[in-house]
N, C-alpha and C. Protein backbone atom coordinates (compact mmCIF):
# COMPACT_ATOMS: atom_id res chain seq x y z
N MET A 1 86.70 -4.94 -39.87
CA MET A 1 87.44 -5.91 -40.65
C MET A 1 87.36 -5.62 -42.15
N ALA A 2 86.26 -5.04 -42.60
CA ALA A 2 86.09 -4.79 -44.03
C ALA A 2 87.19 -3.88 -44.57
N TYR A 3 87.54 -2.86 -43.81
CA TYR A 3 88.58 -1.95 -44.29
C TYR A 3 89.96 -2.58 -44.22
N LEU A 4 90.19 -3.49 -43.29
CA LEU A 4 91.43 -4.25 -43.26
C LEU A 4 91.52 -5.14 -44.49
N HIS A 5 90.42 -5.81 -44.81
CA HIS A 5 90.39 -6.65 -46.02
C HIS A 5 90.64 -5.81 -47.27
N LEU A 6 90.05 -4.62 -47.30
CA LEU A 6 90.25 -3.73 -48.45
C LEU A 6 91.70 -3.29 -48.54
N ALA A 7 92.32 -2.98 -47.41
CA ALA A 7 93.73 -2.58 -47.41
C ALA A 7 94.62 -3.72 -47.91
N ILE A 8 94.34 -4.94 -47.49
CA ILE A 8 95.11 -6.09 -47.96
C ILE A 8 94.93 -6.25 -49.47
N ALA A 9 93.69 -6.08 -49.95
CA ALA A 9 93.42 -6.18 -51.39
C ALA A 9 94.21 -5.13 -52.16
N ILE A 10 94.28 -3.93 -51.64
CA ILE A 10 95.00 -2.85 -52.31
C ILE A 10 96.50 -3.14 -52.35
N VAL A 11 97.06 -3.55 -51.22
CA VAL A 11 98.49 -3.86 -51.18
C VAL A 11 98.82 -5.02 -52.13
N ALA A 12 97.98 -6.05 -52.12
CA ALA A 12 98.21 -7.19 -53.02
C ALA A 12 98.15 -6.76 -54.48
N GLU A 13 97.23 -5.86 -54.80
CA GLU A 13 97.14 -5.37 -56.17
C GLU A 13 98.39 -4.57 -56.55
N ILE A 14 98.89 -3.77 -55.64
CA ILE A 14 100.10 -2.97 -55.90
C ILE A 14 101.29 -3.90 -56.16
N VAL A 15 101.43 -4.92 -55.33
CA VAL A 15 102.52 -5.89 -55.51
C VAL A 15 102.35 -6.61 -56.86
N ALA A 16 101.14 -7.06 -57.15
CA ALA A 16 100.89 -7.78 -58.40
C ALA A 16 101.13 -6.92 -59.63
N THR A 17 100.71 -5.68 -59.59
CA THR A 17 100.89 -4.79 -60.73
C THR A 17 102.38 -4.45 -60.92
N SER A 18 103.09 -4.26 -59.82
CA SER A 18 104.53 -4.03 -59.92
C SER A 18 105.24 -5.24 -60.51
N ALA A 19 104.84 -6.43 -60.09
CA ALA A 19 105.42 -7.65 -60.63
C ALA A 19 105.03 -7.84 -62.09
N LEU A 20 103.83 -7.40 -62.46
CA LEU A 20 103.40 -7.49 -63.86
C LEU A 20 104.34 -6.68 -64.76
N LYS A 21 104.69 -5.50 -64.31
CA LYS A 21 105.65 -4.68 -65.06
C LYS A 21 106.99 -5.41 -65.16
N ALA A 22 107.44 -5.99 -64.04
CA ALA A 22 108.73 -6.69 -64.01
C ALA A 22 108.70 -8.01 -64.77
N SER A 23 107.51 -8.56 -65.02
CA SER A 23 107.42 -9.86 -65.70
C SER A 23 107.78 -9.77 -67.18
N ASP A 24 107.82 -8.55 -67.71
CA ASP A 24 108.17 -8.34 -69.11
C ASP A 24 107.28 -9.17 -70.04
N GLY A 25 105.98 -8.95 -69.89
CA GLY A 25 105.02 -9.67 -70.74
C GLY A 25 104.92 -11.15 -70.41
N PHE A 26 105.02 -11.48 -69.14
CA PHE A 26 104.99 -12.87 -68.64
C PHE A 26 106.13 -13.71 -69.22
N SER A 27 107.24 -13.07 -69.55
CA SER A 27 108.39 -13.81 -70.07
C SER A 27 109.41 -14.15 -68.97
N ARG A 28 109.22 -13.60 -67.77
CA ARG A 28 110.09 -13.89 -66.63
C ARG A 28 109.27 -14.64 -65.59
N LEU A 29 109.74 -15.79 -65.17
CA LEU A 29 108.96 -16.71 -64.34
C LEU A 29 108.53 -16.11 -63.01
N TRP A 30 109.47 -15.70 -62.17
CA TRP A 30 109.10 -15.32 -60.80
C TRP A 30 108.23 -14.07 -60.72
N PRO A 31 108.52 -13.04 -61.49
CA PRO A 31 107.57 -11.92 -61.47
C PRO A 31 106.17 -12.32 -61.98
N SER A 32 106.12 -13.26 -62.92
CA SER A 32 104.83 -13.75 -63.42
C SER A 32 104.07 -14.50 -62.33
N VAL A 33 104.78 -15.32 -61.56
CA VAL A 33 104.17 -16.06 -60.45
C VAL A 33 103.65 -15.10 -59.40
N VAL A 34 104.45 -14.10 -59.06
CA VAL A 34 104.02 -13.09 -58.07
C VAL A 34 102.78 -12.35 -58.57
N THR A 35 102.73 -12.06 -59.87
CA THR A 35 101.57 -11.37 -60.45
C THR A 35 100.30 -12.19 -60.26
N VAL A 36 100.34 -13.45 -60.63
CA VAL A 36 99.14 -14.30 -60.55
C VAL A 36 98.71 -14.48 -59.09
N ILE A 37 99.64 -14.76 -58.21
CA ILE A 37 99.30 -14.94 -56.79
C ILE A 37 98.80 -13.63 -56.19
N GLY A 38 99.47 -12.52 -56.53
CA GLY A 38 99.06 -11.22 -56.00
C GLY A 38 97.65 -10.83 -56.39
N TYR A 39 97.32 -11.04 -57.67
CA TYR A 39 95.95 -10.71 -58.10
C TYR A 39 94.94 -11.66 -57.48
N GLY A 40 95.31 -12.92 -57.29
CA GLY A 40 94.41 -13.85 -56.61
C GLY A 40 94.10 -13.39 -55.19
N ILE A 41 95.13 -12.99 -54.48
CA ILE A 41 94.95 -12.48 -53.11
C ILE A 41 94.11 -11.20 -53.14
N ALA A 42 94.42 -10.31 -54.08
CA ALA A 42 93.69 -9.04 -54.17
C ALA A 42 92.19 -9.27 -54.38
N PHE A 43 91.85 -10.14 -55.32
CA PHE A 43 90.43 -10.37 -55.60
C PHE A 43 89.75 -11.13 -54.47
N TYR A 44 90.46 -12.03 -53.81
CA TYR A 44 89.88 -12.74 -52.67
C TYR A 44 89.52 -11.74 -51.56
N PHE A 45 90.46 -10.88 -51.20
CA PHE A 45 90.18 -9.94 -50.11
C PHE A 45 89.19 -8.86 -50.54
N LEU A 46 89.18 -8.50 -51.81
CA LEU A 46 88.15 -7.57 -52.29
C LEU A 46 86.78 -8.22 -52.16
N SER A 47 86.68 -9.51 -52.45
CA SER A 47 85.39 -10.20 -52.31
C SER A 47 84.93 -10.22 -50.86
N LEU A 48 85.85 -10.36 -49.92
CA LEU A 48 85.48 -10.30 -48.51
C LEU A 48 84.99 -8.91 -48.13
N THR A 49 85.62 -7.91 -48.70
CA THR A 49 85.22 -6.52 -48.45
C THR A 49 83.79 -6.28 -48.90
N LEU A 50 83.41 -6.89 -50.03
CA LEU A 50 82.09 -6.64 -50.61
C LEU A 50 80.95 -7.24 -49.79
N ARG A 51 81.28 -8.03 -48.78
CA ARG A 51 80.23 -8.52 -47.88
C ARG A 51 79.64 -7.39 -47.05
N THR A 52 80.44 -6.36 -46.81
CA THR A 52 80.04 -5.28 -45.90
C THR A 52 79.94 -3.93 -46.59
N ILE A 53 80.93 -3.59 -47.39
CA ILE A 53 80.98 -2.28 -48.02
C ILE A 53 80.31 -2.38 -49.39
N PRO A 54 79.44 -1.42 -49.74
CA PRO A 54 78.79 -1.45 -51.04
C PRO A 54 79.82 -1.52 -52.18
N THR A 55 79.47 -2.21 -53.24
CA THR A 55 80.39 -2.47 -54.34
C THR A 55 81.00 -1.19 -54.92
N GLY A 56 80.17 -0.21 -55.20
CA GLY A 56 80.66 1.04 -55.80
C GLY A 56 81.65 1.76 -54.91
N ILE A 57 81.36 1.79 -53.62
CA ILE A 57 82.25 2.47 -52.66
C ILE A 57 83.56 1.70 -52.55
N ALA A 58 83.47 0.39 -52.37
CA ALA A 58 84.69 -0.43 -52.24
C ALA A 58 85.55 -0.32 -53.48
N TYR A 59 84.93 -0.38 -54.64
CA TYR A 59 85.70 -0.33 -55.88
C TYR A 59 86.32 1.05 -56.08
N ALA A 60 85.59 2.09 -55.72
CA ALA A 60 86.13 3.45 -55.84
C ALA A 60 87.36 3.62 -54.96
N ILE A 61 87.29 3.12 -53.75
CA ILE A 61 88.43 3.21 -52.84
C ILE A 61 89.58 2.35 -53.35
N TRP A 62 89.26 1.10 -53.71
CA TRP A 62 90.28 0.15 -54.18
C TRP A 62 91.01 0.69 -55.41
N SER A 63 90.25 1.14 -56.39
CA SER A 63 90.88 1.61 -57.62
C SER A 63 91.57 2.96 -57.41
N GLY A 64 90.94 3.85 -56.66
CA GLY A 64 91.53 5.18 -56.45
C GLY A 64 92.84 5.13 -55.69
N VAL A 65 92.83 4.44 -54.57
CA VAL A 65 94.06 4.31 -53.78
C VAL A 65 95.09 3.51 -54.57
N GLY A 66 94.64 2.48 -55.28
CA GLY A 66 95.55 1.68 -56.10
C GLY A 66 96.23 2.51 -57.17
N ILE A 67 95.49 3.37 -57.84
CA ILE A 67 96.06 4.24 -58.88
C ILE A 67 97.16 5.12 -58.30
N VAL A 68 96.87 5.74 -57.18
CA VAL A 68 97.84 6.64 -56.58
C VAL A 68 99.08 5.87 -56.12
N LEU A 69 98.88 4.76 -55.42
CA LEU A 69 100.02 4.02 -54.90
C LEU A 69 100.87 3.39 -56.01
N ILE A 70 100.24 2.83 -57.04
CA ILE A 70 101.04 2.23 -58.11
C ILE A 70 101.77 3.32 -58.90
N SER A 71 101.21 4.51 -58.97
CA SER A 71 101.91 5.62 -59.61
C SER A 71 103.15 6.02 -58.81
N VAL A 72 103.03 6.02 -57.49
CA VAL A 72 104.18 6.31 -56.63
C VAL A 72 105.24 5.21 -56.76
N VAL A 73 104.80 3.95 -56.78
CA VAL A 73 105.74 2.84 -56.97
C VAL A 73 106.43 2.96 -58.32
N GLY A 74 105.69 3.27 -59.37
CA GLY A 74 106.28 3.46 -60.69
C GLY A 74 107.29 4.59 -60.72
N TRP A 75 107.00 5.64 -60.01
CA TRP A 75 107.89 6.79 -59.94
C TRP A 75 109.18 6.44 -59.20
N ILE A 76 109.05 5.75 -58.07
CA ILE A 76 110.22 5.41 -57.26
C ILE A 76 110.96 4.21 -57.83
N TRP A 77 110.26 3.11 -58.07
CA TRP A 77 110.89 1.85 -58.42
C TRP A 77 111.32 1.78 -59.89
N PHE A 78 110.42 2.22 -60.78
CA PHE A 78 110.69 2.11 -62.22
C PHE A 78 111.15 3.43 -62.84
N ARG A 79 111.31 4.47 -62.02
CA ARG A 79 111.79 5.78 -62.47
C ARG A 79 110.90 6.39 -63.55
N GLN A 80 109.58 6.19 -63.41
CA GLN A 80 108.63 6.76 -64.36
C GLN A 80 108.27 8.17 -63.92
N GLU A 81 108.23 9.08 -64.86
CA GLU A 81 107.98 10.49 -64.57
C GLU A 81 106.50 10.74 -64.23
N LEU A 82 106.28 11.64 -63.32
CA LEU A 82 104.94 12.14 -63.00
C LEU A 82 104.96 13.64 -63.23
N ASP A 83 104.18 14.13 -64.20
CA ASP A 83 104.14 15.56 -64.43
C ASP A 83 103.06 16.20 -63.56
N LEU A 84 102.98 17.52 -63.61
CA LEU A 84 102.06 18.25 -62.76
C LEU A 84 100.60 17.84 -62.97
N PRO A 85 100.11 17.69 -64.21
CA PRO A 85 98.72 17.25 -64.37
C PRO A 85 98.46 15.88 -63.74
N ALA A 86 99.43 14.96 -63.82
CA ALA A 86 99.26 13.64 -63.20
C ALA A 86 99.17 13.77 -61.69
N ILE A 87 100.01 14.61 -61.11
CA ILE A 87 100.00 14.81 -59.66
C ILE A 87 98.71 15.46 -59.21
N ILE A 88 98.24 16.45 -59.96
CA ILE A 88 96.96 17.11 -59.63
C ILE A 88 95.82 16.11 -59.74
N GLY A 89 95.80 15.32 -60.80
CA GLY A 89 94.75 14.31 -60.98
C GLY A 89 94.73 13.31 -59.84
N MET A 90 95.91 12.85 -59.43
CA MET A 90 95.96 11.90 -58.31
C MET A 90 95.54 12.56 -57.01
N GLY A 91 95.85 13.84 -56.86
CA GLY A 91 95.38 14.58 -55.68
C GLY A 91 93.86 14.63 -55.64
N LEU A 92 93.24 14.82 -56.80
CA LEU A 92 91.78 14.82 -56.87
C LEU A 92 91.20 13.44 -56.54
N ILE A 93 91.89 12.39 -56.95
CA ILE A 93 91.45 11.03 -56.60
C ILE A 93 91.49 10.85 -55.09
N VAL A 94 92.57 11.28 -54.46
CA VAL A 94 92.69 11.17 -52.99
C VAL A 94 91.57 11.96 -52.31
N VAL A 95 91.30 13.16 -52.79
CA VAL A 95 90.21 13.96 -52.22
C VAL A 95 88.88 13.24 -52.38
N GLY A 96 88.67 12.62 -53.53
CA GLY A 96 87.43 11.87 -53.76
C GLY A 96 87.28 10.71 -52.79
N VAL A 97 88.35 9.98 -52.55
CA VAL A 97 88.30 8.87 -51.59
C VAL A 97 88.01 9.39 -50.19
N ILE A 98 88.62 10.50 -49.81
CA ILE A 98 88.37 11.10 -48.49
C ILE A 98 86.92 11.53 -48.37
N VAL A 99 86.39 12.18 -49.40
CA VAL A 99 84.99 12.62 -49.37
C VAL A 99 84.06 11.42 -49.24
N LEU A 100 84.32 10.35 -49.99
CA LEU A 100 83.50 9.13 -49.88
C LEU A 100 83.47 8.61 -48.46
N ASN A 101 84.63 8.54 -47.84
CA ASN A 101 84.72 7.96 -46.51
C ASN A 101 84.21 8.90 -45.41
N ALA A 102 84.42 10.18 -45.58
CA ALA A 102 84.06 11.12 -44.52
C ALA A 102 82.59 11.54 -44.57
N PHE A 103 82.03 11.64 -45.77
CA PHE A 103 80.72 12.25 -45.89
C PHE A 103 79.62 11.38 -46.48
N SER A 104 79.97 10.31 -47.18
CA SER A 104 78.95 9.50 -47.83
C SER A 104 78.25 8.60 -46.84
N LYS A 105 76.93 8.59 -46.91
CA LYS A 105 76.16 7.66 -46.09
C LYS A 105 76.14 6.26 -46.71
N SER A 106 76.62 6.16 -47.96
CA SER A 106 76.68 4.86 -48.63
C SER A 106 77.82 4.01 -48.09
N ALA A 107 78.88 4.65 -47.62
CA ALA A 107 80.04 3.92 -47.12
C ALA A 107 79.73 3.33 -45.75
N ALA A 108 80.12 2.07 -45.56
CA ALA A 108 79.92 1.42 -44.26
C ALA A 108 81.01 1.87 -43.31
N HIS A 109 80.61 2.32 -42.13
CA HIS A 109 81.61 2.79 -41.15
C HIS A 109 81.58 1.91 -39.94
């Protein structure tokens, strides 16, 4: 269940961050509402995750996967460019998350 909670937290953060961009500095009502609710959901499910998965591991996965996914959303939805160094850096983040999950004894399995 911990990894399901973490996945929900990540998706909620992606939705909230996308809405934050669309809120135009909290000047548009509905994207602002989605932002606040999305971050509330994200932090709630992250807190559930921390009951089982160590804080550092959970946060590394949450932030790492979140960075990559929000970058993809920005590229597709907002037409933001990703250059080669950005793609390589995100690839390294993905490798780091995989190493944490596959080889670390700190991660709860």
